[in-house]
Amino acid sequence: MKEVIQIEITIPELKNIVEEALRSELANLSNNEPRQSLEVYLTREETSKLLKISLPTLDDYTRRGVIEGYRIGTLIRYKKAEVESSLKLIPTIKYKRITKYKI
């Protein structure tokens, strides 16, 4: 049999106790569970327009592993963040014309 303890407490005191308990539990939940970021998936057409390439070129890039595609049922989708990260900066060397004579 459970023991029952009766104490006298005012409604504002009870309210404060409940609020503190809820705050501490919510703080524990928000610290322990990482928030999931929503991934944005692009269709083949959206991806090809974003990269300004044709659909056959996109298929070739997917087969070669340049861009990673995901099959969802019969559909192929691409993660927008991965598509943007697959773009690489090409370093360029700027050549300066050297002249022998100053004019």
PDB file of N, CA and C in Angstrom:
ATOM      1  N   MET A   1       0.833  -1.167   0.000  1.00  0.00           N
ATOM      2  CA  MET A   1       0.000   0.000   0.000  1.00  0.00           C
ATOM      3  C   MET A   1       0.887   1.242   0.000  1.00  0.00           C
ATOM      4  N   LYS A   2       0.507   2.247  -0.775  1.00  0.00           N
ATOM      5  CA  LYS A   2       1.280   3.485  -0.887  1.00  0.00           C
ATOM      6  C   LYS A   2       0.986   4.404   0.280  1.00  0.00           C
ATOM      7  N   GLU A   3       2.039   5.092   0.695  1.00  0.00           N
ATOM      8  CA  GLU A   3       1.858   6.059   1.760  1.00  0.00           C
ATOM      9  C   GLU A   3       1.415   7.387   1.182  1.00  0.00           C
ATOM     10  N   VAL A   4       0.499   8.034   1.813  1.00  0.00           N
ATOM     11  CA  VAL A   4      -0.004   9.325   1.388  1.00  0.00           C
ATOM     12  C   VAL A   4       0.402  10.349   2.433  1.00  0.00           C
ATOM     13  N   ILE A   5       1.038  11.417   1.985  1.00  0.00           N
ATOM     14  CA  ILE A   5       1.468  12.483   2.883  1.00  0.00           C
ATOM     15  C   ILE A   5       0.675  13.730   2.528  1.00  0.00           C
ATOM     16  N   GLN A   6       0.092  14.341   3.506  1.00  0.00           N
ATOM     17  CA  GLN A   6      -0.664  15.561   3.284  1.00  0.00           C
ATOM     18  C   GLN A   6       0.115  16.737   3.864  1.00  0.00           C
ATOM     19  N   ILE A   7       0.295  17.757   3.030  1.00  0.00           N
ATOM     20  CA  ILE A   7       0.933  18.975   3.510  1.00  0.00           C
ATOM     21  C   ILE A   7       0.098  20.160   3.079  1.00  0.00           C
ATOM     22  N   GLU A   8       0.232  21.216   3.820  1.00  0.00           N
ATOM     23  CA  GLU A   8      -0.484  22.433   3.459  1.00  0.00           C
ATOM     24  C   GLU A   8       0.428  23.287   2.601  1.00  0.00           C
ATOM     25  N   ILE A   9      -0.088  23.692   1.434  1.00  0.00           N
ATOM     26  CA  ILE A   9       0.685  24.512   0.506  1.00  0.00           C
ATOM     27  C   ILE A   9      -0.286  25.463  -0.192  1.00  0.00           C
ATOM     28  N   THR A  10       0.166  26.664  -0.424  1.00  0.00           N
ATOM     29  CA  THR A  10      -0.708  27.623  -1.100  1.00  0.00           C
ATOM     30  C   THR A  10      -0.641  27.386  -2.609  1.00  0.00           C
ATOM     31  N   ILE A  11      -1.618  27.895  -3.304  1.00  0.00           N
ATOM     32  CA  ILE A  11      -1.678  27.719  -4.762  1.00  0.00           C
ATOM     33  C   ILE A  11      -0.488  28.389  -5.447  1.00  0.00           C
ATOM     34  N   PRO A  12      -0.080  29.603  -5.076  1.00  0.00           N
ATOM     35  CA  PRO A  12       1.111  30.180  -5.712  1.00  0.00           C
ATOM     36  C   PRO A  12       2.386  29.361  -5.475  1.00  0.00           C
ATOM     37  N   GLU A  13       2.528  28.776  -4.278  1.00  0.00           N
ATOM     38  CA  GLU A  13       3.691  27.929  -3.998  1.00  0.00           C
ATOM     39  C   GLU A  13       3.673  26.675  -4.865  1.00  0.00           C
ATOM     40  N   LEU A  14       2.499  26.065  -5.011  1.00  0.00           N
ATOM     41  CA  LEU A  14       2.365  24.878  -5.866  1.00  0.00           C
ATOM     42  C   LEU A  14       2.687  25.231  -7.315  1.00  0.00           C
ATOM     43  N   LYS A  15       2.201  26.392  -7.739  1.00  0.00           N
ATOM     44  CA  LYS A  15       2.470  26.845  -9.098  1.00  0.00           C
ATOM     45  C   LYS A  15       3.973  27.004  -9.330  1.00  0.00           C
ATOM     46  N   ASN A  16       4.679  27.597  -8.374  1.00  0.00           N
ATOM     47  CA  ASN A  16       6.130  27.778  -8.499  1.00  0.00           C
ATOM     48  C   ASN A  16       6.868  26.444  -8.551  1.00  0.00           C
ATOM     49  N   ILE A  17       6.445  25.483  -7.730  1.00  0.00           N
ATOM     50  CA  ILE A  17       7.081  24.159  -7.714  1.00  0.00           C
ATOM     51  C   ILE A  17       6.912  23.472  -9.065  1.00  0.00           C
ATOM     52  N   VAL A  18       5.698  23.527  -9.610  1.00  0.00           N
ATOM     53  CA  VAL A  18       5.420  22.896 -10.903  1.00  0.00           C
ATOM     54  C   VAL A  18       6.207  23.591 -12.020  1.00  0.00           C
ATOM     55  N   GLU A  19       6.262  24.915 -11.999  1.00  0.00           N
ATOM     56  CA  GLU A  19       7.013  25.661 -13.012  1.00  0.00           C
ATOM     57  C   GLU A  19       8.493  25.305 -12.982  1.00  0.00           C
ATOM     58  N   GLU A  20       9.076  25.224 -11.809  1.00  0.00           N
ATOM     59  CA  GLU A  20      10.494  24.877 -11.690  1.00  0.00           C
ATOM     60  C   GLU A  20      10.767  23.471 -12.204  1.00  0.00           C
ATOM     61  N   ALA A  21       9.879  22.540 -11.887  1.00  0.00           N
ATOM     62  CA  ALA A  21      10.041  21.163 -12.348  1.00  0.00           C
ATOM     63  C   ALA A  21       9.959  21.094 -13.873  1.00  0.00           C
ATOM     64  N   LEU A  22       9.012  21.818 -14.448  1.00  0.00           N
ATOM     65  CA  LEU A  22       8.870  21.829 -15.912  1.00  0.00           C
ATOM     66  C   LEU A  22      10.079  22.477 -16.579  1.00  0.00           C
ATOM     67  N   ARG A  23      10.566  23.579 -16.032  1.00  0.00           N
ATOM     68  CA  ARG A  23      11.734  24.248 -16.601  1.00  0.00           C
ATOM     69  C   ARG A  23      12.956  23.333 -16.606  1.00  0.00           C
ATOM     70  N   SER A  24      13.172  22.645 -15.497  1.00  0.00           N
ATOM     71  CA  SER A  24      14.348  21.773 -15.431  1.00  0.00           C
ATOM     72  C   SER A  24      14.217  20.602 -16.400  1.00  0.00           C
ATOM     73  N   GLU A  25      13.037  20.024 -16.540  1.00  0.00           N
ATOM     74  CA  GLU A  25      12.837  18.915 -17.477  1.00  0.00           C
ATOM     75  C   GLU A  25      12.989  19.382 -18.920  1.00  0.00           C
ATOM     76  N   LEU A  26      12.439  20.538 -19.247  1.00  0.00           N
ATOM     77  CA  LEU A  26      12.577  21.058 -20.609  1.00  0.00           C
ATOM     78  C   LEU A  26      14.029  21.399 -20.925  1.00  0.00           C
ATOM     79  N   ALA A  27      14.756  21.907 -19.964  1.00  0.00           N
ATOM     80  CA  ALA A  27      16.175  22.206 -20.174  1.00  0.00           C
ATOM     81  C   ALA A  27      16.954  20.926 -20.422  1.00  0.00           C
ATOM     82  N   ASN A  28      16.632  19.858 -19.697  1.00  0.00           N
ATOM     83  CA  ASN A  28      17.300  18.577 -19.916  1.00  0.00           C
ATOM     84  C   ASN A  28      16.988  18.009 -21.291  1.00  0.00           C
ATOM     85  N   LEU A  29      15.751  18.125 -21.737  1.00  0.00           N
ATOM     86  CA  LEU A  29      15.370  17.622 -23.051  1.00  0.00           C
ATOM     87  C   LEU A  29      16.076  18.381 -24.167  1.00  0.00           C
ATOM     88  N   SER A  30      16.115  19.695 -24.059  1.00  0.00           N
ATOM     89  CA  SER A  30      16.716  20.487 -25.126  1.00  0.00           C
ATOM     90  C   SER A  30      18.228  20.300 -25.173  1.00  0.00           C
ATOM     91  N   ASN A  31      18.882  19.987 -24.049  1.00  0.00           N
ATOM     92  CA  ASN A  31      20.329  19.782 -24.047  1.00  0.00           C
ATOM     93  C   ASN A  31      20.716  18.392 -24.524  1.00  0.00           C
ATOM     94  N   ASN A  32      19.895  17.395 -24.267  1.00  0.00           N
ATOM     95  CA  ASN A  32      20.259  16.017 -24.585  1.00  0.00           C
ATOM     96  C   ASN A  32      19.979  15.626 -26.024  1.00  0.00           C
ATOM     97  N   GLU A  33      18.923  16.110 -26.604  1.00  0.00           N
ATOM     98  CA  GLU A  33      18.527  15.684 -27.937  1.00  0.00           C
ATOM     99  C   GLU A  33      18.982  16.698 -28.973  1.00  0.00           C
ATOM    100  N   PRO A  34      19.818  16.265 -29.927  1.00  0.00           N
ATOM    101  CA  PRO A  34      20.211  17.200 -30.982  1.00  0.00           C
ATOM    102  C   PRO A  34      19.029  17.483 -31.900  1.00  0.00           C
ATOM    103  N   ARG A  35      18.944  18.703 -32.331  1.00  0.00           N
ATOM    104  CA  ARG A  35      17.850  19.077 -33.233  1.00  0.00           C
ATOM    105  C   ARG A  35      18.151  18.574 -34.633  1.00  0.00           C
ATOM    106  N   GLN A  36      17.141  18.052 -35.257  1.00  0.00           N
ATOM    107  CA  GLN A  36      17.314  17.536 -36.605  1.00  0.00           C
ATOM    108  C   GLN A  36      17.072  18.668 -37.591  1.00  0.00           C
ATOM    109  N   SER A  37      18.032  18.854 -38.477  1.00  0.00           N
ATOM    110  CA  SER A  37      17.834  19.866 -39.507  1.00  0.00           C
ATOM    111  C   SER A  37      17.111  19.216 -40.674  1.00  0.00           C
ATOM    112  N   LEU A  38      16.219  19.943 -41.256  1.00  0.00           N
ATOM    113  CA  LEU A  38      15.460  19.413 -42.375  1.00  0.00           C
ATOM    114  C   LEU A  38      16.303  19.494 -43.639  1.00  0.00           C
ATOM    115  N   GLU A  39      16.471  18.371 -44.293  1.00  0.00           N
ATOM    116  CA  GLU A  39      17.216  18.320 -45.539  1.00  0.00           C
ATOM    117  C   GLU A  39      16.306  18.769 -46.677  1.00  0.00           C
ATOM    118  N   VAL A  40      16.868  19.512 -47.588  1.00  0.00           N
ATOM    119  CA  VAL A  40      16.121  19.929 -48.769  1.00  0.00           C
ATOM    120  C   VAL A  40      16.564  19.030 -49.915  1.00  0.00           C
ATOM    121  N   TYR A  41      15.615  18.302 -50.499  1.00  0.00           N
ATOM    122  CA  TYR A  41      15.914  17.410 -51.599  1.00  0.00           C
ATOM    123  C   TYR A  41      15.457  18.047 -52.908  1.00  0.00           C
ATOM    124  N   LEU A  42      16.280  17.919 -53.926  1.00  0.00           N
ATOM    125  CA  LEU A  42      15.984  18.474 -55.241  1.00  0.00           C
ATOM    126  C   LEU A  42      15.681  17.357 -56.224  1.00  0.00           C
ATOM    127  N   THR A  43      14.797  17.628 -57.168  1.00  0.00           N
ATOM    128  CA  THR A  43      14.536  16.676 -58.237  1.00  0.00           C
ATOM    129  C   THR A  43      15.678  16.735 -59.248  1.00  0.00           C
ATOM    130  N   ARG A  44      15.670  15.833 -60.219  1.00  0.00           N
ATOM    131  CA  ARG A  44      16.701  15.842 -61.253  1.00  0.00           C
ATOM    132  C   ARG A  44      16.647  17.140 -62.044  1.00  0.00           C
ATOM    133  N   GLU A  45      15.448  17.589 -62.351  1.00  0.00           N
ATOM    134  CA  GLU A  45      15.296  18.812 -63.133  1.00  0.00           C
ATOM    135  C   GLU A  45      15.796  20.031 -62.360  1.00  0.00           C
ATOM    136  N   GLU A  46      15.431  20.111 -61.075  1.00  0.00           N
ATOM    137  CA  GLU A  46      15.883  21.239 -60.258  1.00  0.00           C
ATOM    138  C   GLU A  46      17.404  21.250 -60.115  1.00  0.00           C
ATOM    139  N   THR A  47      17.977  20.059 -59.954  1.00  0.00           N
ATOM    140  CA  THR A  47      19.432  19.954 -59.813  1.00  0.00           C
ATOM    141  C   THR A  47      20.132  20.362 -61.099  1.00  0.00           C
ATOM    142  N   SER A  48      19.611  19.917 -62.235  1.00  0.00           N
ATOM    143  CA  SER A  48      20.257  20.275 -63.505  1.00  0.00           C
ATOM    144  C   SER A  48      20.137  21.771 -63.779  1.00  0.00           C
ATOM    145  N   LYS A  49      19.021  22.371 -63.400  1.00  0.00           N
ATOM    146  CA  LYS A  49      18.880  23.819 -63.574  1.00  0.00           C
ATOM    147  C   LYS A  49      19.808  24.581 -62.630  1.00  0.00           C
ATOM    148  N   LEU A  50      19.946  24.089 -61.403  1.00  0.00           N
ATOM    149  CA  LEU A  50      20.824  24.737 -60.435  1.00  0.00           C
ATOM    150  C   LEU A  50      22.277  24.710 -60.910  1.00  0.00           C
ATOM    151  N   LEU A  51      22.697  23.574 -61.461  1.00  0.00           N
ATOM    152  CA  LEU A  51      24.072  23.428 -61.940  1.00  0.00           C
ATOM    153  C   LEU A  51      24.256  23.894 -63.382  1.00  0.00           C
ATOM    154  N   LYS A  52      23.134  24.189 -64.044  1.00  0.00           N
ATOM    155  CA  LYS A  52      23.150  24.607 -65.453  1.00  0.00           C
ATOM    156  C   LYS A  52      23.821  23.559 -66.336  1.00  0.00           C
ATOM    157  N   ILE A  53      23.373  22.307 -66.147  1.00  0.00           N
ATOM    158  CA  ILE A  53      23.850  21.194 -66.961  1.00  0.00           C
ATOM    159  C   ILE A  53      22.637  20.425 -67.473  1.00  0.00           C
ATOM    160  N   SER A  54      22.843  19.566 -68.449  1.00  0.00           N
ATOM    161  CA  SER A  54      21.738  18.784 -69.000  1.00  0.00           C
ATOM    162  C   SER A  54      21.482  17.564 -68.130  1.00  0.00           C
ATOM    163  N   LEU A  55      20.312  16.941 -68.341  1.00  0.00           N
ATOM    164  CA  LEU A  55      19.967  15.749 -67.566  1.00  0.00           C
ATOM    165  C   LEU A  55      20.917  14.582 -67.841  1.00  0.00           C
ATOM    166  N   PRO A  56      21.321  14.338 -69.118  1.00  0.00           N
ATOM    167  CA  PRO A  56      22.304  13.266 -69.342  1.00  0.00           C
ATOM    168  C   PRO A  56      23.639  13.524 -68.637  1.00  0.00           C
ATOM    169  N   THR A  57      24.069  14.781 -68.579  1.00  0.00           N
ATOM    170  CA  THR A  57      25.306  15.106 -67.869  1.00  0.00           C
ATOM    171  C   THR A  57      25.136  14.851 -66.377  1.00  0.00           C
ATOM    172  N   LEU A  58      23.979  15.192 -65.827  1.00  0.00           N
ATOM    173  CA  LEU A  58      23.698  14.934 -64.419  1.00  0.00           C
ATOM    174  C   LEU A  58      23.721  13.435 -64.133  1.00  0.00           C
ATOM    175  N   ASP A  59      23.127  12.640 -65.034  1.00  0.00           N
ATOM    176  CA  ASP A  59      23.165  11.184 -64.880  1.00  0.00           C
ATOM    177  C   ASP A  59      24.599  10.666 -64.894  1.00  0.00           C
ATOM    178  N   ASP A  60      25.425  11.217 -65.788  1.00  0.00           N
ATOM    179  CA  ASP A  60      26.826  10.816 -65.876  1.00  0.00           C
ATOM    180  C   ASP A  60      27.563  11.174 -64.583  1.00  0.00           C
ATOM    181  N   TYR A  61      27.343  12.372 -64.069  1.00  0.00           N
ATOM    182  CA  TYR A  61      27.977  12.788 -62.817  1.00  0.00           C
ATOM    183  C   TYR A  61      27.553  11.883 -61.660  1.00  0.00           C
ATOM    184  N   THR A  62      26.293  11.468 -61.654  1.00  0.00           N
ATOM    185  CA  THR A  62      25.792  10.596 -60.600  1.00  0.00           C
ATOM    186  C   THR A  62      26.444   9.223 -60.689  1.00  0.00           C
ATOM    187  N   ARG A  63      26.547   8.676 -61.906  1.00  0.00           N
ATOM    188  CA  ARG A  63      27.186   7.364 -62.083  1.00  0.00           C
ATOM    189  C   ARG A  63      28.657   7.388 -61.702  1.00  0.00           C
ATOM    190  N   ARG A  64      29.353   8.489 -62.013  1.00  0.00           N
ATOM    191  CA  ARG A  64      30.783   8.605 -61.704  1.00  0.00           C
ATOM    192  C   ARG A  64      31.048   8.983 -60.253  1.00  0.00           C
ATOM    193  N   GLY A  65      30.012   9.379 -59.516  1.00  0.00           N
ATOM    194  CA  GLY A  65      30.175   9.713 -58.107  1.00  0.00           C
ATOM    195  C   GLY A  65      30.555  11.157 -57.860  1.00  0.00           C
ATOM    196  N   VAL A  66      30.438  12.006 -58.876  1.00  0.00           N
ATOM    197  CA  VAL A  66      30.732  13.428 -58.684  1.00  0.00           C
ATOM    198  C   VAL A  66      29.666  14.050 -57.792  1.00  0.00           C
ATOM    199  N   ILE A  67      28.417  13.668 -58.035  1.00  0.00           N
ATOM    200  CA  ILE A  67      27.278  14.126 -57.231  1.00  0.00           C
ATOM    201  C   ILE A  67      26.567  12.883 -56.724  1.00  0.00           C
ATOM    202  N   GLU A  68      26.219  12.879 -55.445  1.00  0.00           N
ATOM    203  CA  GLU A  68      25.570  11.717 -54.863  1.00  0.00           C
ATOM    204  C   GLU A  68      24.059  11.850 -54.966  1.00  0.00           C
ATOM    205  N   GLY A  69      23.425  10.841 -55.551  1.00  0.00           N
ATOM    206  CA  GLY A  69      21.978  10.825 -55.695  1.00  0.00           C
ATOM    207  C   GLY A  69      21.359   9.816 -54.746  1.00  0.00           C
ATOM    208  N   TYR A  70      20.096  10.024 -54.406  1.00  0.00           N
ATOM    209  CA  TYR A  70      19.379   9.139 -53.494  1.00  0.00           C
ATOM    210  C   TYR A  70      18.102   8.674 -54.163  1.00  0.00           C
ATOM    211  N   ARG A  71      17.881   7.364 -54.127  1.00  0.00           N
ATOM    212  CA  ARG A  71      16.668   6.805 -54.726  1.00  0.00           C
ATOM    213  C   ARG A  71      15.610   6.686 -53.635  1.00  0.00           C
ATOM    214  N   ILE A  72      14.465   7.293 -53.888  1.00  0.00           N
ATOM    215  CA  ILE A  72      13.317   7.197 -52.996  1.00  0.00           C
ATOM    216  C   ILE A  72      12.209   6.563 -53.817  1.00  0.00           C
ATOM    217  N   GLY A  73      12.038   5.256 -53.659  1.00  0.00           N
ATOM    218  CA  GLY A  73      11.104   4.527 -54.505  1.00  0.00           C
ATOM    219  C   GLY A  73      11.646   4.493 -55.925  1.00  0.00           C
ATOM    220  N   THR A  74      10.889   5.052 -56.853  1.00  0.00           N
ATOM    221  CA  THR A  74      11.359   5.123 -58.239  1.00  0.00           C
ATOM    222  C   THR A  74      11.943   6.492 -58.572  1.00  0.00           C
ATOM    223  N   LEU A  75      11.956   7.386 -57.605  1.00  0.00           N
ATOM    224  CA  LEU A  75      12.423   8.751 -57.835  1.00  0.00           C
ATOM    225  C   LEU A  75      13.877   8.913 -57.415  1.00  0.00           C
ATOM    226  N   ILE A  76      14.582   9.803 -58.074  1.00  0.00           N
ATOM    227  CA  ILE A  76      15.954  10.130 -57.707  1.00  0.00           C
ATOM    228  C   ILE A  76      15.958  11.555 -57.191  1.00  0.00           C
ATOM    229  N   ARG A  77      16.550  11.738 -56.024  1.00  0.00           N
ATOM    230  CA  ARG A  77      16.631  13.057 -55.410  1.00  0.00           C
ATOM    231  C   ARG A  77      18.077  13.349 -55.034  1.00  0.00           C
ATOM    232  N   TYR A  78      18.376  14.634 -54.940  1.00  0.00           N
ATOM    233  CA  TYR A  78      19.710  15.096 -54.581  1.00  0.00           C
ATOM    234  C   TYR A  78      19.579  16.054 -53.405  1.00  0.00           C
ATOM    235  N   LYS A  79      20.487  15.918 -52.416  1.00  0.00           N
ATOM    236  CA  LYS A  79      20.484  16.842 -51.299  1.00  0.00           C
ATOM    237  C   LYS A  79      21.084  18.166 -51.764  1.00  0.00           C
ATOM    238  N   LYS A  80      20.367  19.254 -51.507  1.00  0.00           N
ATOM    239  CA  LYS A  80      20.806  20.564 -51.975  1.00  0.00           C
ATOM    240  C   LYS A  80      22.164  20.943 -51.398  1.00  0.00           C
ATOM    241  N   ALA A  81      22.385  20.658 -50.117  1.00  0.00           N
ATOM    242  CA  ALA A  81      23.667  20.999 -49.488  1.00  0.00           C
ATOM    243  C   ALA A  81      24.815  20.239 -50.143  1.00  0.00           C
ATOM    244  N   GLU A  82      24.598  18.971 -50.499  1.00  0.00           N
ATOM    245  CA  GLU A  82      25.652  18.183 -51.134  1.00  0.00           C
ATOM    246  C   GLU A  82      25.920  18.660 -52.556  1.00  0.00           C
ATOM    247  N   VAL A  83      24.868  19.065 -53.255  1.00  0.00           N
ATOM    248  CA  VAL A  83      25.045  19.568 -54.619  1.00  0.00           C
ATOM    249  C   VAL A  83      25.868  20.851 -54.582  1.00  0.00           C
ATOM    250  N   GLU A  84      25.536  21.740 -53.656  1.00  0.00           N
ATOM    251  CA  GLU A  84      26.284  22.994 -53.548  1.00  0.00           C
ATOM    252  C   GLU A  84      27.716  22.761 -53.090  1.00  0.00           C
ATOM    253  N   SER A  85      27.928  21.766 -52.233  1.00  0.00           N
ATOM    254  CA  SER A  85      29.288  21.495 -51.769  1.00  0.00           C
ATOM    255  C   SER A  85      30.126  20.785 -52.828  1.00  0.00           C
ATOM    256  N   SER A  86      29.474  20.176 -53.825  1.00  0.00           N
ATOM    257  CA  SER A  86      30.229  19.497 -54.881  1.00  0.00           C
ATOM    258  C   SER A  86      30.854  20.493 -55.864  1.00  0.00           C
ATOM    259  N   LEU A  87      30.372  21.721 -55.827  1.00  0.00           N
ATOM    260  CA  LEU A  87      30.977  22.742 -56.684  1.00  0.00           C
ATOM    261  C   LEU A  87      32.331  23.118 -56.096  1.00  0.00           C
ATOM    262  N   LYS A  88      33.339  23.141 -56.937  1.00  0.00           N
ATOM    263  CA  LYS A  88      34.694  23.430 -56.461  1.00  0.00           C
ATOM    264  C   LYS A  88      35.205  24.693 -57.130  1.00  0.00           C
ATOM    265  N   LEU A  89      35.956  25.438 -56.382  1.00  0.00           N
ATOM    266  CA  LEU A  89      36.584  26.636 -56.902  1.00  0.00           C
ATOM    267  C   LEU A  89      37.822  26.240 -57.683  1.00  0.00           C
ATOM    268  N   ILE A  90      37.942  26.754 -58.877  1.00  0.00           N
ATOM    269  CA  ILE A  90      39.106  26.469 -59.702  1.00  0.00           C
ATOM    270  C   ILE A  90      40.087  27.610 -59.511  1.00  0.00           C
ATOM    271  N   PRO A  91      41.266  27.304 -59.005  1.00  0.00           N
ATOM    272  CA  PRO A  91      42.237  28.386 -58.819  1.00  0.00           C
ATOM    273  C   PRO A  91      42.759  28.856 -60.179  1.00  0.00           C
ATOM    274  N   THR A  92      42.827  30.139 -60.323  1.00  0.00           N
ATOM    275  CA  THR A  92      43.335  30.691 -61.577  1.00  0.00           C
ATOM    276  C   THR A  92      44.603  31.482 -61.290  1.00  0.00           C
ATOM    277  N   ILE A  93      45.476  31.477 -62.267  1.00  0.00           N
ATOM    278  CA  ILE A  93      46.707  32.249 -62.162  1.00  0.00           C
ATOM    279  C   ILE A  93      46.579  33.401 -63.137  1.00  0.00           C
ATOM    280  N   LYS A  94      46.682  34.571 -62.615  1.00  0.00           N
ATOM    281  CA  LYS A  94      46.587  35.737 -63.476  1.00  0.00           C
ATOM    282  C   LYS A  94      47.994  36.085 -63.957  1.00  0.00           C
ATOM    283  N   TYR A  95      48.124  36.062 -65.248  1.00  0.00           N
ATOM    284  CA  TYR A  95      49.419  36.386 -65.830  1.00  0.00           C
ATOM    285  C   TYR A  95      49.486  37.873 -66.120  1.00  0.00           C
ATOM    286  N   LYS A  96      50.606  38.434 -65.819  1.00  0.00           N
ATOM    287  CA  LYS A  96      50.804  39.839 -66.077  1.00  0.00           C
ATOM    288  C   LYS A  96      51.770  39.946 -67.256  1.00  0.00           C
ATOM    289  N   ARG A  97      51.399  40.733 -68.162  1.00  0.00           N
ATOM    290  CA  ARG A  97      52.236  40.903 -69.354  1.00  0.00           C
ATOM    291  C   ARG A  97      53.485  41.687 -68.976  1.00  0.00           C
ATOM    292  N   ILE A  98      54.597  41.114 -69.305  1.00  0.00           N
ATOM    293  CA  ILE A  98      55.862  41.749 -68.979  1.00  0.00           C
ATOM    294  C   ILE A  98      56.413  42.402 -70.247  1.00  0.00           C
ATOM    295  N   THR A  99      56.699  43.631 -70.135  1.00  0.00           N
ATOM    296  CA  THR A  99      57.290  44.336 -71.270  1.00  0.00           C
ATOM    297  C   THR A  99      58.723  44.689 -70.943  1.00  0.00           C
ATOM    298  N   LYS A 100      59.564  44.659 -71.948  1.00  0.00           N
ATOM    299  CA  LYS A 100      60.989  44.967 -71.762  1.00  0.00           C
ATOM    300  C   LYS A 100      61.194  46.465 -71.660  1.00  0.00           C
ATOM    301  N   TYR A 101      60.366  47.198 -72.350  1.00  0.00           N
ATOM    302  CA  TYR A 101      60.594  48.625 -72.421  1.00  0.00           C
ATOM    303  C   TYR A 101      59.457  49.367 -71.752  1.00  0.00           C
ATOM    304  N   LYS A 102      59.823  50.331 -70.982  1.00  0.00           N
ATOM    305  CA  LYS A 102      58.812  51.188 -70.387  1.00  0.00           C
ATOM    306  C   LYS A 102      58.531  52.323 -71.333  1.00  0.00           C
ATOM    307  N   ILE A 103      57.303  52.628 -71.473  1.00  0.00           N
ATOM    308  CA  ILE A 103      56.936  53.706 -72.380  1.00  0.00           C
ATOM    309  C   ILE A 103      56.575  54.934 -71.607  1.00  0.00           C
TER     310      ILE A 103
END
